[in-house]
Amino acid sequence: EVQLQASGGGLVQPGGSLRLSCAASGFTSDEYVISWFRQAPGKEREGVSCITSKGDRTYYADSAKDRFTVSRDGAKNTVYLQMNNLKPEDTAVYYCNIRQFWGRGTLVTVSS
């Protein structure tokens, strides 16, 4: 059974930082892409960033470029999303995804 568990969300002031984690288990394929999505209240889910299982390629949405960094720890089967200089518009539930599998989201709230 594939399980994805996102964690690390919370309340942070504008300009602050958070690091999200996505622990994956039960996935047997050697090559895949792990993606971070987010969904703000009243908005559609949107892609934020992704990384290959080998860690050799990454992608960032324009909203995440220069502020967010995606990385992976293969030994721990965990993907991280380091988010710096957070803005109120980054407030959303963040989800990790591998193919058709979705983890339970973690809420990020950016507010003073």
PDB file of N, CA and C in Angstrom:
ATOM      1  N   GLU A   1       0.845  -1.190   0.000  1.00  0.00           N
ATOM      2  CA  GLU A   1       0.000   0.000   0.000  1.00  0.00           C
ATOM      3  C   GLU A   1       0.882   1.243   0.000  1.00  0.00           C
ATOM      4  N   VAL A   2       0.639   2.108  -0.957  1.00  0.00           N
ATOM      5  CA  VAL A   2       1.396   3.353  -1.047  1.00  0.00           C
ATOM      6  C   VAL A   2       0.843   4.360  -0.040  1.00  0.00           C
ATOM      7  N   GLN A   3       1.747   4.941   0.719  1.00  0.00           N
ATOM      8  CA  GLN A   3       1.354   5.974   1.678  1.00  0.00           C
ATOM      9  C   GLN A   3       2.275   7.175   1.527  1.00  0.00           C
ATOM     10  N   LEU A   4       1.658   8.327   1.528  1.00  0.00           N
ATOM     11  CA  LEU A   4       2.385   9.585   1.497  1.00  0.00           C
ATOM     12  C   LEU A   4       1.923  10.417   2.679  1.00  0.00           C
ATOM     13  N   GLN A   5       2.845  10.878   3.449  1.00  0.00           N
ATOM     14  CA  GLN A   5       2.496  11.640   4.646  1.00  0.00           C
ATOM     15  C   GLN A   5       3.231  12.968   4.629  1.00  0.00           C
ATOM     16  N   ALA A   6       2.467  14.037   4.434  1.00  0.00           N
ATOM     17  CA  ALA A   6       3.046  15.371   4.462  1.00  0.00           C
ATOM     18  C   ALA A   6       2.980  15.929   5.873  1.00  0.00           C
ATOM     19  N   SER A   7       4.003  16.668   6.249  1.00  0.00           N
ATOM     20  CA  SER A   7       4.036  17.287   7.571  1.00  0.00           C
ATOM     21  C   SER A   7       4.886  18.545   7.509  1.00  0.00           C
ATOM     22  N   GLY A   8       4.848  19.302   8.585  1.00  0.00           N
ATOM     23  CA  GLY A   8       5.691  20.485   8.687  1.00  0.00           C
ATOM     24  C   GLY A   8       4.977  21.803   8.529  1.00  0.00           C
ATOM     25  N   GLY A   9       3.696  21.767   8.261  1.00  0.00           N
ATOM     26  CA  GLY A   9       2.948  23.007   8.122  1.00  0.00           C
ATOM     27  C   GLY A   9       2.773  23.707   9.455  1.00  0.00           C
ATOM     28  N   GLY A  10       2.267  24.913   9.380  1.00  0.00           N
ATOM     29  CA  GLY A  10       2.030  25.676  10.594  1.00  0.00           C
ATOM     30  C   GLY A  10       1.757  27.123  10.286  1.00  0.00           C
ATOM     31  N   LEU A  11       1.763  27.926  11.335  1.00  0.00           N
ATOM     32  CA  LEU A  11       1.537  29.357  11.217  1.00  0.00           C
ATOM     33  C   LEU A  11       2.885  30.073  11.231  1.00  0.00           C
ATOM     34  N   VAL A  12       3.096  30.930  10.260  1.00  0.00           N
ATOM     35  CA  VAL A  12       4.359  31.660  10.173  1.00  0.00           C
ATOM     36  C   VAL A  12       4.068  33.085   9.719  1.00  0.00           C
ATOM     37  N   GLN A  13       4.890  34.001  10.149  1.00  0.00           N
ATOM     38  CA  GLN A  13       4.715  35.390   9.741  1.00  0.00           C
ATOM     39  C   GLN A  13       5.264  35.616   8.345  1.00  0.00           C
ATOM     40  N   PRO A  14       4.761  36.612   7.653  1.00  0.00           N
ATOM     41  CA  PRO A  14       5.327  36.936   6.329  1.00  0.00           C
ATOM     42  C   PRO A  14       6.833  37.132   6.423  1.00  0.00           C
ATOM     43  N   GLY A  15       7.527  36.575   5.460  1.00  0.00           N
ATOM     44  CA  GLY A  15       8.982  36.613   5.452  1.00  0.00           C
ATOM     45  C   GLY A  15       9.628  35.437   6.155  1.00  0.00           C
ATOM     46  N   GLY A  16       8.822  34.654   6.837  1.00  0.00           N
ATOM     47  CA  GLY A  16       9.345  33.512   7.566  1.00  0.00           C
ATOM     48  C   GLY A  16       9.583  32.298   6.678  1.00  0.00           C
ATOM     49  N   SER A  17       9.988  31.210   7.314  1.00  0.00           N
ATOM     50  CA  SER A  17      10.322  29.979   6.590  1.00  0.00           C
ATOM     51  C   SER A  17       9.663  28.773   7.235  1.00  0.00           C
ATOM     52  N   LEU A  18       9.431  27.785   6.414  1.00  0.00           N
ATOM     53  CA  LEU A  18       8.953  26.479   6.871  1.00  0.00           C
ATOM     54  C   LEU A  18       9.584  25.420   5.991  1.00  0.00           C
ATOM     55  N   ARG A  19       9.748  24.246   6.554  1.00  0.00           N
ATOM     56  CA  ARG A  19      10.192  23.109   5.750  1.00  0.00           C
ATOM     57  C   ARG A  19       9.149  22.008   5.848  1.00  0.00           C
ATOM     58  N   LEU A  20       8.586  21.679   4.713  1.00  0.00           N
ATOM     59  CA  LEU A  20       7.620  20.589   4.650  1.00  0.00           C
ATOM     60  C   LEU A  20       8.341  19.291   4.333  1.00  0.00           C
ATOM     61  N   SER A  21       7.800  18.208   4.851  1.00  0.00           N
ATOM     62  CA  SER A  21       8.348  16.882   4.579  1.00  0.00           C
ATOM     63  C   SER A  21       7.254  15.996   4.011  1.00  0.00           C
ATOM     64  N   CYS A  22       7.654  15.107   3.136  1.00  0.00           N
ATOM     65  CA  CYS A  22       6.728  14.114   2.591  1.00  0.00           C
ATOM     66  C   CYS A  22       7.414  12.757   2.686  1.00  0.00           C
ATOM     67  N   ALA A  23       6.933  11.931   3.564  1.00  0.00           N
ATOM     68  CA  ALA A  23       7.479  10.590   3.729  1.00  0.00           C
ATOM     69  C   ALA A  23       6.674   9.622   2.878  1.00  0.00           C
ATOM     70  N   ALA A  24       7.366   8.891   2.032  1.00  0.00           N
ATOM     71  CA  ALA A  24       6.714   7.957   1.116  1.00  0.00           C
ATOM     72  C   ALA A  24       7.059   6.532   1.505  1.00  0.00           C
ATOM     73  N   SER A  25       6.068   5.663   1.390  1.00  0.00           N
ATOM     74  CA  SER A  25       6.313   4.247   1.660  1.00  0.00           C
ATOM     75  C   SER A  25       5.435   3.410   0.746  1.00  0.00           C
ATOM     76  N   GLY A  26       5.895   2.214   0.465  1.00  0.00           N
ATOM     77  CA  GLY A  26       5.099   1.270  -0.307  1.00  0.00           C
ATOM     78  C   GLY A  26       5.173   1.448  -1.807  1.00  0.00           C
ATOM     79  N   PHE A  27       6.002   2.381  -2.277  1.00  0.00           N
ATOM     80  CA  PHE A  27       6.106   2.610  -3.715  1.00  0.00           C
ATOM     81  C   PHE A  27       7.280   1.808  -4.247  1.00  0.00           C
ATOM     82  N   THR A  28       7.022   0.947  -5.231  1.00  0.00           N
ATOM     83  CA  THR A  28       8.044   0.011  -5.666  1.00  0.00           C
ATOM     84  C   THR A  28       8.765   0.417  -6.939  1.00  0.00           C
ATOM     85  N   SER A  29       8.238   1.384  -7.660  1.00  0.00           N
ATOM     86  CA  SER A  29       8.889   1.792  -8.896  1.00  0.00           C
ATOM     87  C   SER A  29      10.209   2.496  -8.598  1.00  0.00           C
ATOM     88  N   ASP A  30      11.178   2.291  -9.478  1.00  0.00           N
ATOM     89  CA  ASP A  30      12.484   2.908  -9.270  1.00  0.00           C
ATOM     90  C   ASP A  30      12.531   4.357  -9.733  1.00  0.00           C
ATOM     91  N   GLU A  31      11.736   4.681 -10.721  1.00  0.00           N
ATOM     92  CA  GLU A  31      11.772   6.030 -11.264  1.00  0.00           C
ATOM     93  C   GLU A  31      10.378   6.636 -11.230  1.00  0.00           C
ATOM     94  N   TYR A  32      10.299   7.764 -10.604  1.00  0.00           N
ATOM     95  CA  TYR A  32       9.016   8.462 -10.507  1.00  0.00           C
ATOM     96  C   TYR A  32       9.285   9.910 -10.143  1.00  0.00           C
ATOM     97  N   VAL A  33       8.252  10.663 -10.113  1.00  0.00           N
ATOM     98  CA  VAL A  33       8.343  12.087  -9.780  1.00  0.00           C
ATOM     99  C   VAL A  33       7.506  12.341  -8.537  1.00  0.00           C
ATOM    100  N   ILE A  34       8.073  13.051  -7.599  1.00  0.00           N
ATOM    101  CA  ILE A  34       7.334  13.446  -6.410  1.00  0.00           C
ATOM    102  C   ILE A  34       7.005  14.923  -6.542  1.00  0.00           C
ATOM    103  N   SER A  35       5.753  15.232  -6.405  1.00  0.00           N
ATOM    104  CA  SER A  35       5.306  16.609  -6.616  1.00  0.00           C
ATOM    105  C   SER A  35       4.689  17.186  -5.360  1.00  0.00           C
ATOM    106  N   TRP A  36       4.836  18.492  -5.254  1.00  0.00           N
ATOM    107  CA  TRP A  36       4.128  19.253  -4.224  1.00  0.00           C
ATOM    108  C   TRP A  36       3.051  20.089  -4.912  1.00  0.00           C
ATOM    109  N   PHE A  37       1.850  19.984  -4.400  1.00  0.00           N
ATOM    110  CA  PHE A  37       0.740  20.811  -4.844  1.00  0.00           C
ATOM    111  C   PHE A  37       0.236  21.601  -3.645  1.00  0.00           C
ATOM    112  N   ARG A  38      -0.547  22.607  -3.923  1.00  0.00           N
ATOM    113  CA  ARG A  38      -1.191  23.336  -2.843  1.00  0.00           C
ATOM    114  C   ARG A  38      -2.580  23.771  -3.286  1.00  0.00           C
ATOM    115  N   GLN A  39      -3.425  23.949  -2.309  1.00  0.00           N
ATOM    116  CA  GLN A  39      -4.777  24.416  -2.586  1.00  0.00           C
ATOM    117  C   GLN A  39      -5.164  25.456  -1.551  1.00  0.00           C
ATOM    118  N   ALA A  40      -5.334  26.671  -2.025  1.00  0.00           N
ATOM    119  CA  ALA A  40      -5.748  27.757  -1.161  1.00  0.00           C
ATOM    120  C   ALA A  40      -7.269  27.773  -1.063  1.00  0.00           C
ATOM    121  N   PRO A  41      -7.797  28.364  -0.013  1.00  0.00           N
ATOM    122  CA  PRO A  41      -9.250  28.418   0.148  1.00  0.00           C
ATOM    123  C   PRO A  41      -9.924  29.047  -1.063  1.00  0.00           C
ATOM    124  N   GLY A  42     -10.896  28.338  -1.614  1.00  0.00           N
ATOM    125  CA  GLY A  42     -11.647  28.863  -2.737  1.00  0.00           C
ATOM    126  C   GLY A  42     -10.945  28.800  -4.071  1.00  0.00           C
ATOM    127  N   LYS A  43      -9.774  28.177  -4.102  1.00  0.00           N
ATOM    128  CA  LYS A  43      -9.018  28.092  -5.348  1.00  0.00           C
ATOM    129  C   LYS A  43      -8.761  26.649  -5.735  1.00  0.00           C
ATOM    130  N   GLU A  44      -8.385  26.467  -6.975  1.00  0.00           N
ATOM    131  CA  GLU A  44      -8.064  25.132  -7.454  1.00  0.00           C
ATOM    132  C   GLU A  44      -6.672  24.709  -6.975  1.00  0.00           C
ATOM    133  N   ARG A  45      -6.476  23.409  -6.915  1.00  0.00           N
ATOM    134  CA  ARG A  45      -5.168  22.886  -6.555  1.00  0.00           C
ATOM    135  C   ARG A  45      -4.170  23.236  -7.655  1.00  0.00           C
ATOM    136  N   GLU A  46      -2.988  23.643  -7.255  1.00  0.00           N
ATOM    137  CA  GLU A  46      -1.970  24.011  -8.240  1.00  0.00           C
ATOM    138  C   GLU A  46      -0.637  23.365  -7.900  1.00  0.00           C
ATOM    139  N   GLY A  47       0.126  23.107  -8.930  1.00  0.00           N
ATOM    140  CA  GLY A  47       1.452  22.535  -8.739  1.00  0.00           C
ATOM    141  C   GLY A  47       2.434  23.571  -8.240  1.00  0.00           C
ATOM    142  N   VAL A  48       3.298  23.170  -7.339  1.00  0.00           N
ATOM    143  CA  VAL A  48       4.283  24.066  -6.755  1.00  0.00           C
ATOM    144  C   VAL A  48       5.695  23.683  -7.178  1.00  0.00           C
ATOM    145  N   SER A  49       6.017  22.410  -7.033  1.00  0.00           N
ATOM    146  CA  SER A  49       7.369  21.968  -7.318  1.00  0.00           C
ATOM    147  C   SER A  49       7.365  20.459  -7.438  1.00  0.00           C
ATOM    148  N   CYS A  50       8.394  19.927  -8.083  1.00  0.00           N
ATOM    149  CA  CYS A  50       8.535  18.479  -8.127  1.00  0.00           C
ATOM    150  C   CYS A  50      10.001  18.117  -8.299  1.00  0.00           C
ATOM    151  N   ILE A  51      10.299  16.868  -8.010  1.00  0.00           N
ATOM    152  CA  ILE A  51      11.659  16.351  -8.108  1.00  0.00           C
ATOM    153  C   ILE A  51      11.585  14.902  -8.533  1.00  0.00           C
ATOM    154  N   THR A  52      12.550  14.481  -9.337  1.00  0.00           N
ATOM    155  CA  THR A  52      12.596  13.091  -9.742  1.00  0.00           C
ATOM    156  C   THR A  52      13.076  12.224  -8.581  1.00  0.00           C
ATOM    157  N   SER A  53      12.755  10.948  -8.649  1.00  0.00           N
ATOM    158  CA  SER A  53      13.154  10.034  -7.579  1.00  0.00           C
ATOM    159  C   SER A  53      14.674   9.926  -7.475  1.00  0.00           C
ATOM    160  N   LYS A  54      15.365  10.181  -8.565  1.00  0.00           N
ATOM    161  CA  LYS A  54      16.828  10.176  -8.540  1.00  0.00           C
ATOM    162  C   LYS A  54      17.387  11.507  -8.040  1.00  0.00           C
ATOM    163  N   GLY A  55      16.547  12.495  -7.980  1.00  0.00           N
ATOM    164  CA  GLY A  55      16.982  13.810  -7.532  1.00  0.00           C
ATOM    165  C   GLY A  55      17.753  14.596  -8.566  1.00  0.00           C
ATOM    166  N   ASP A  56      17.697  14.160  -9.821  1.00  0.00           N
ATOM    167  CA  ASP A  56      18.521  14.828 -10.820  1.00  0.00           C
ATOM    168  C   ASP A  56      17.808  15.953 -11.551  1.00  0.00           C
ATOM    169  N   ARG A  57      16.519  16.057 -11.365  1.00  0.00           N
ATOM    170  CA  ARG A  57      15.787  17.146 -11.997  1.00  0.00           C
ATOM    171  C   ARG A  57      14.732  17.693 -11.054  1.00  0.00           C
ATOM    172  N   THR A  58      14.567  18.976 -11.110  1.00  0.00           N
ATOM    173  CA  THR A  58      13.551  19.645 -10.301  1.00  0.00           C
ATOM    174  C   THR A  58      12.768  20.627 -11.160  1.00  0.00           C
ATOM    175  N   TYR A  59      11.616  20.991 -10.656  1.00  0.00           N
ATOM    176  CA  TYR A  59      10.766  21.961 -11.342  1.00  0.00           C
ATOM    177  C   TYR A  59      10.116  22.848 -10.292  1.00  0.00           C
ATOM    178  N   TYR A  60       9.970  24.125 -10.658  1.00  0.00           N
ATOM    179  CA  TYR A  60       9.304  25.067  -9.765  1.00  0.00           C
ATOM    180  C   TYR A  60       8.292  25.888 -10.543  1.00  0.00           C
ATOM    181  N   ALA A  61       7.131  26.070  -9.967  1.00  0.00           N
ATOM    182  CA  ALA A  61       6.177  27.017 -10.522  1.00  0.00           C
ATOM    183  C   ALA A  61       6.745  28.422 -10.347  1.00  0.00           C
ATOM    184  N   ASP A  62       6.296  29.336 -11.150  1.00  0.00           N
ATOM    185  CA  ASP A  62       6.801  30.707 -11.069  1.00  0.00           C
ATOM    186  C   ASP A  62       6.639  31.274  -9.656  1.00  0.00           C
ATOM    187  N   SER A  63       5.562  30.909  -8.994  1.00  0.00           N
ATOM    188  CA  SER A  63       5.294  31.436  -7.652  1.00  0.00           C
ATOM    189  C   SER A  63       6.300  30.931  -6.623  1.00  0.00           C
ATOM    190  N   ALA A  64       6.982  29.837  -6.957  1.00  0.00           N
ATOM    191  CA  ALA A  64       7.910  29.218  -6.005  1.00  0.00           C
ATOM    192  C   ALA A  64       9.376  29.495  -6.331  1.00  0.00           C
ATOM    193  N   LYS A  65       9.652  29.921  -7.526  1.00  0.00           N
ATOM    194  CA  LYS A  65      11.040  30.145  -7.943  1.00  0.00           C
ATOM    195  C   LYS A  65      11.719  31.171  -7.048  1.00  0.00           C
ATOM    196  N   ASP A  66      12.959  30.882  -6.723  1.00  0.00           N
ATOM    197  CA  ASP A  66      13.818  31.763  -5.917  1.00  0.00           C
ATOM    198  C   ASP A  66      13.417  31.822  -4.452  1.00  0.00           C
ATOM    199  N   ARG A  67      12.343  31.147  -4.062  1.00  0.00           N
ATOM    200  CA  ARG A  67      11.944  31.132  -2.639  1.00  0.00           C
ATOM    201  C   ARG A  67      11.866  29.721  -2.071  1.00  0.00           C
ATOM    202  N   PHE A  68      11.461  28.765  -2.900  1.00  0.00           N
ATOM    203  CA  PHE A  68      11.285  27.396  -2.440  1.00  0.00           C
ATOM    204  C   PHE A  68      12.382  26.508  -3.005  1.00  0.00           C
ATOM    205  N   THR A  69      12.755  25.492  -2.244  1.00  0.00           N
ATOM    206  CA  THR A  69      13.740  24.517  -2.707  1.00  0.00           C
ATOM    207  C   THR A  69      13.241  23.122  -2.384  1.00  0.00           C
ATOM    208  N   VAL A  70      13.170  22.282  -3.402  1.00  0.00           N
ATOM    209  CA  VAL A  70      12.756  20.896  -3.213  1.00  0.00           C
ATOM    210  C   VAL A  70      13.992  20.011  -3.171  1.00  0.00           C
ATOM    211  N   SER A  71      13.975  19.032  -2.289  1.00  0.00           N
ATOM    212  CA  SER A  71      15.103  18.108  -2.172  1.00  0.00           C
ATOM    213  C   SER A  71      14.589  16.767  -1.706  1.00  0.00           C
ATOM    214  N   ARG A  72      15.462  15.781  -1.736  1.00  0.00           N
ATOM    215  CA  ARG A  72      15.063  14.447  -1.333  1.00  0.00           C
ATOM    216  C   ARG A  72      16.154  13.775  -0.534  1.00  0.00           C
ATOM    217  N   ASP A  73      15.733  12.890   0.350  1.00  0.00           N
ATOM    218  CA  ASP A  73      16.649  12.023   1.085  1.00  0.00           C
ATOM    219  C   ASP A  73      16.254  10.601   0.714  1.00  0.00           C
ATOM    220  N   GLY A  74      17.008  10.000  -0.195  1.00  0.00           N
ATOM    221  CA  GLY A  74      16.667   8.675  -0.680  1.00  0.00           C
ATOM    222  C   GLY A  74      16.665   7.624   0.415  1.00  0.00           C
ATOM    223  N   ALA A  75      17.576   7.748   1.345  1.00  0.00           N
ATOM    224  CA  ALA A  75      17.679   6.766   2.422  1.00  0.00           C
ATOM    225  C   ALA A  75      16.434   6.784   3.307  1.00  0.00           C
ATOM    226  N   LYS A  76      15.822   7.947   3.431  1.00  0.00           N
ATOM    227  CA  LYS A  76      14.636   8.085   4.262  1.00  0.00           C
ATOM    228  C   LYS A  76      13.351   8.071   3.457  1.00  0.00           C
ATOM    229  N   ASN A  77      13.469   7.976   2.120  1.00  0.00           N
ATOM    230  CA  ASN A  77      12.284   8.048   1.250  1.00  0.00           C
ATOM    231  C   ASN A  77      11.444   9.272   1.579  1.00  0.00           C
ATOM    232  N   THR A  78      12.121  10.366   1.742  1.00  0.00           N
ATOM    233  CA  THR A  78      11.452  11.598   2.148  1.00  0.00           C
ATOM    234  C   THR A  78      11.842  12.731   1.205  1.00  0.00           C
ATOM    235  N   VAL A  79      10.863  13.513   0.850  1.00  0.00           N
ATOM    236  CA  VAL A  79      11.078  14.695   0.023  1.00  0.00           C
ATOM    237  C   VAL A  79      10.751  15.919   0.874  1.00  0.00           C
ATOM    238  N   TYR A  80      11.551  16.947   0.699  1.00  0.00           N
ATOM    239  CA  TYR A  80      11.380  18.158   1.486  1.00  0.00           C
ATOM    240  C   TYR A  80      11.047  19.339   0.574  1.00  0.00           C
ATOM    241  N   LEU A  81      10.334  20.273   1.133  1.00  0.00           N
ATOM    242  CA  LEU A  81      10.088  21.540   0.446  1.00  0.00           C
ATOM    243  C   LEU A  81      10.447  22.652   1.419  1.00  0.00           C
ATOM    244  N   GLN A  82      11.602  23.251   1.201  1.00  0.00           N
ATOM    245  CA  GLN A  82      12.039  24.372   2.017  1.00  0.00           C
ATOM    246  C   GLN A  82      11.422  25.639   1.446  1.00  0.00           C
ATOM    247  N   MET A  83      10.657  26.318   2.252  1.00  0.00           N
ATOM    248  CA  MET A  83       9.955  27.512   1.797  1.00  0.00           C
ATOM    249  C   MET A  83      10.458  28.722   2.576  1.00  0.00           C
ATOM    250  N   ASN A  84      11.052  29.656   1.877  1.00  0.00           N
ATOM    251  CA  ASN A  84      11.591  30.865   2.478  1.00  0.00           C
ATOM    252  C   ASN A  84      10.821  32.092   1.998  1.00  0.00           C
ATOM    253  N   ASN A  85      10.983  33.165   2.736  1.00  0.00           N
ATOM    254  CA  ASN A  85      10.327  34.433   2.376  1.00  0.00           C
ATOM    255  C   ASN A  85       8.841  34.209   2.068  1.00  0.00           C
ATOM    256  N   LEU A  86       8.176  33.545   2.969  1.00  0.00           N
ATOM    257  CA  LEU A  86       6.771  33.202   2.749  1.00  0.00           C
ATOM    258  C   LEU A  86       5.898  34.443   2.711  1.00  0.00           C
ATOM    259  N   LYS A  87       4.873  34.361   1.882  1.00  0.00           N
ATOM    260  CA  LYS A  87       3.947  35.464   1.679  1.00  0.00           C
ATOM    261  C   LYS A  87       2.535  35.011   2.049  1.00  0.00           C
ATOM    262  N   PRO A  88       1.658  35.939   2.369  1.00  0.00           N
ATOM    263  CA  PRO A  88       0.277  35.548   2.699  1.00  0.00           C
ATOM    264  C   PRO A  88      -0.376  34.715   1.595  1.00  0.00           C
ATOM    265  N   GLU A  89      -0.013  34.982   0.356  1.00  0.00           N
ATOM    266  CA  GLU A  89      -0.604  34.225  -0.749  1.00  0.00           C
ATOM    267  C   GLU A  89      -0.093  32.790  -0.833  1.00  0.00           C
ATOM    268  N   ASP A  90       0.883  32.445  -0.005  1.00  0.00           N
ATOM    269  CA  ASP A  90       1.336  31.051   0.072  1.00  0.00           C
ATOM    270  C   ASP A  90       0.458  30.232   1.012  1.00  0.00           C
ATOM    271  N   THR A  91      -0.463  30.879   1.689  1.00  0.00           N
ATOM    272  CA  THR A  91      -1.372  30.170   2.588  1.00  0.00           C
ATOM    273  C   THR A  91      -2.198  29.164   1.804  1.00  0.00           C
ATOM    274  N   ALA A  92      -2.112  27.904   2.210  1.00  0.00           N
ATOM    275  CA  ALA A  92      -2.798  26.832   1.501  1.00  0.00           C
ATOM    276  C   ALA A  92      -2.560  25.521   2.237  1.00  0.00           C
ATOM    277  N   VAL A  93      -3.310  24.519   1.832  1.00  0.00           N
ATOM    278  CA  VAL A  93      -2.999  23.155   2.251  1.00  0.00           C
ATOM    279  C   VAL A  93      -2.049  22.583   1.205  1.00  0.00           C
ATOM    280  N   TYR A  94      -0.937  22.080   1.653  1.00  0.00           N
ATOM    281  CA  TYR A  94       0.088  21.545   0.767  1.00  0.00           C
ATOM    282  C   TYR A  94       0.013  20.021   0.764  1.00  0.00           C
ATOM    283  N   TYR A  95       0.068  19.464  -0.426  1.00  0.00           N
ATOM    284  CA  TYR A  95      -0.036  18.019  -0.618  1.00  0.00           C
ATOM    285  C   TYR A  95       1.182  17.513  -1.376  1.00  0.00           C
ATOM    286  N   CYS A  96       1.577  16.280  -1.070  1.00  0.00           N
ATOM    287  CA  CYS A  96       2.561  15.633  -1.917  1.00  0.00           C
ATOM    288  C   CYS A  96       1.872  14.534  -2.732  1.00  0.00           C
ATOM    289  N   ASN A  97       2.486  14.251  -3.852  1.00  0.00           N
ATOM    290  CA  ASN A  97       1.840  13.378  -4.842  1.00  0.00           C
ATOM    291  C   ASN A  97       2.867  12.561  -5.588  1.00  0.00           C
ATOM    292  N   ILE A  98       2.546  11.299  -5.801  1.00  0.00           N
ATOM    293  CA  ILE A  98       3.287  10.434  -6.719  1.00  0.00           C
ATOM    294  C   ILE A  98       2.232   9.751  -7.583  1.00  0.00           C
ATOM    295  N   ARG A  99       2.282  10.073  -8.850  1.00  0.00           N
ATOM    296  CA  ARG A  99       1.320   9.529  -9.831  1.00  0.00           C
ATOM    297  C   ARG A  99      -0.096   9.710  -9.312  1.00  0.00           C
ATOM    298  N   GLN A 100      -0.838   8.625  -9.114  1.00  0.00           N
ATOM    299  CA  GLN A 100      -2.233   8.774  -8.693  1.00  0.00           C
ATOM    300  C   GLN A 100      -2.391   8.807  -7.182  1.00  0.00           C
ATOM    301  N   PHE A 101      -1.281   8.797  -6.466  1.00  0.00           N
ATOM    302  CA  PHE A 101      -1.349   8.724  -5.010  1.00  0.00           C
ATOM    303  C   PHE A 101      -1.163  10.109  -4.388  1.00  0.00           C
ATOM    304  N   TRP A 102      -2.016  10.395  -3.435  1.00  0.00           N
ATOM    305  CA  TRP A 102      -1.980  11.687  -2.739  1.00  0.00           C
ATOM    306  C   TRP A 102      -1.867  11.456  -1.249  1.00  0.00           C
ATOM    307  N   GLY A 103      -1.068  12.287  -0.609  1.00  0.00           N
ATOM    308  CA  GLY A 103      -0.993  12.237   0.838  1.00  0.00           C
ATOM    309  C   GLY A 103      -1.991  13.201   1.456  1.00  0.00           C
ATOM    310  N   ARG A 104      -2.211  13.027   2.732  1.00  0.00           N
ATOM    311  CA  ARG A 104      -3.015  13.988   3.465  1.00  0.00           C
ATOM    312  C   ARG A 104      -2.226  15.292   3.542  1.00  0.00           C
ATOM    313  N   GLY A 105      -2.883  16.384   3.322  1.00  0.00           N
ATOM    314  CA  GLY A 105      -2.195  17.655   3.247  1.00  0.00           C
ATOM    315  C   GLY A 105      -1.772  18.196   4.593  1.00  0.00           C
ATOM    316  N   THR A 106      -0.917  19.208   4.521  1.00  0.00           N
ATOM    317  CA  THR A 106      -0.493  19.922   5.717  1.00  0.00           C
ATOM    318  C   THR A 106      -0.751  21.408   5.486  1.00  0.00           C
ATOM    319  N   LEU A 107      -1.352  22.056   6.481  1.00  0.00           N
ATOM    320  CA  LEU A 107      -1.779  23.431   6.331  1.00  0.00           C
ATOM    321  C   LEU A 107      -0.648  24.407   6.623  1.00  0.00           C
ATOM    322  N   VAL A 108      -0.434  25.314   5.700  1.00  0.00           N
ATOM    323  CA  VAL A 108       0.510  26.410   5.873  1.00  0.00           C
ATOM    324  C   VAL A 108      -0.280  27.712   5.912  1.00  0.00           C
ATOM    325  N   THR A 109      -0.110  28.455   6.983  1.00  0.00           N
ATOM    326  CA  THR A 109      -0.780  29.738   7.125  1.00  0.00           C
ATOM    327  C   THR A 109       0.264  30.823   7.313  1.00  0.00           C
ATOM    328  N   VAL A 110       0.259  31.781   6.419  1.00  0.00           N
ATOM    329  CA  VAL A 110       1.212  32.893   6.488  1.00  0.00           C
ATOM    330  C   VAL A 110       0.420  34.142   6.855  1.00  0.00           C
ATOM    331  N   SER A 111       0.645  34.608   8.056  1.00  0.00           N
ATOM    332  CA  SER A 111      -0.143  35.736   8.546  1.00  0.00           C
ATOM    333  C   SER A 111       0.584  36.426   9.685  1.00  0.00           C
ATOM    334  N   SER A 112       0.396  37.720   9.768  1.00  0.00           N
ATOM    335  CA  SER A 112       0.970  38.471  10.882  1.00  0.00           C
ATOM    336  C   SER A 112      -0.033  38.587  12.021  1.00  0.00           C
TER     337      SER A 112
END
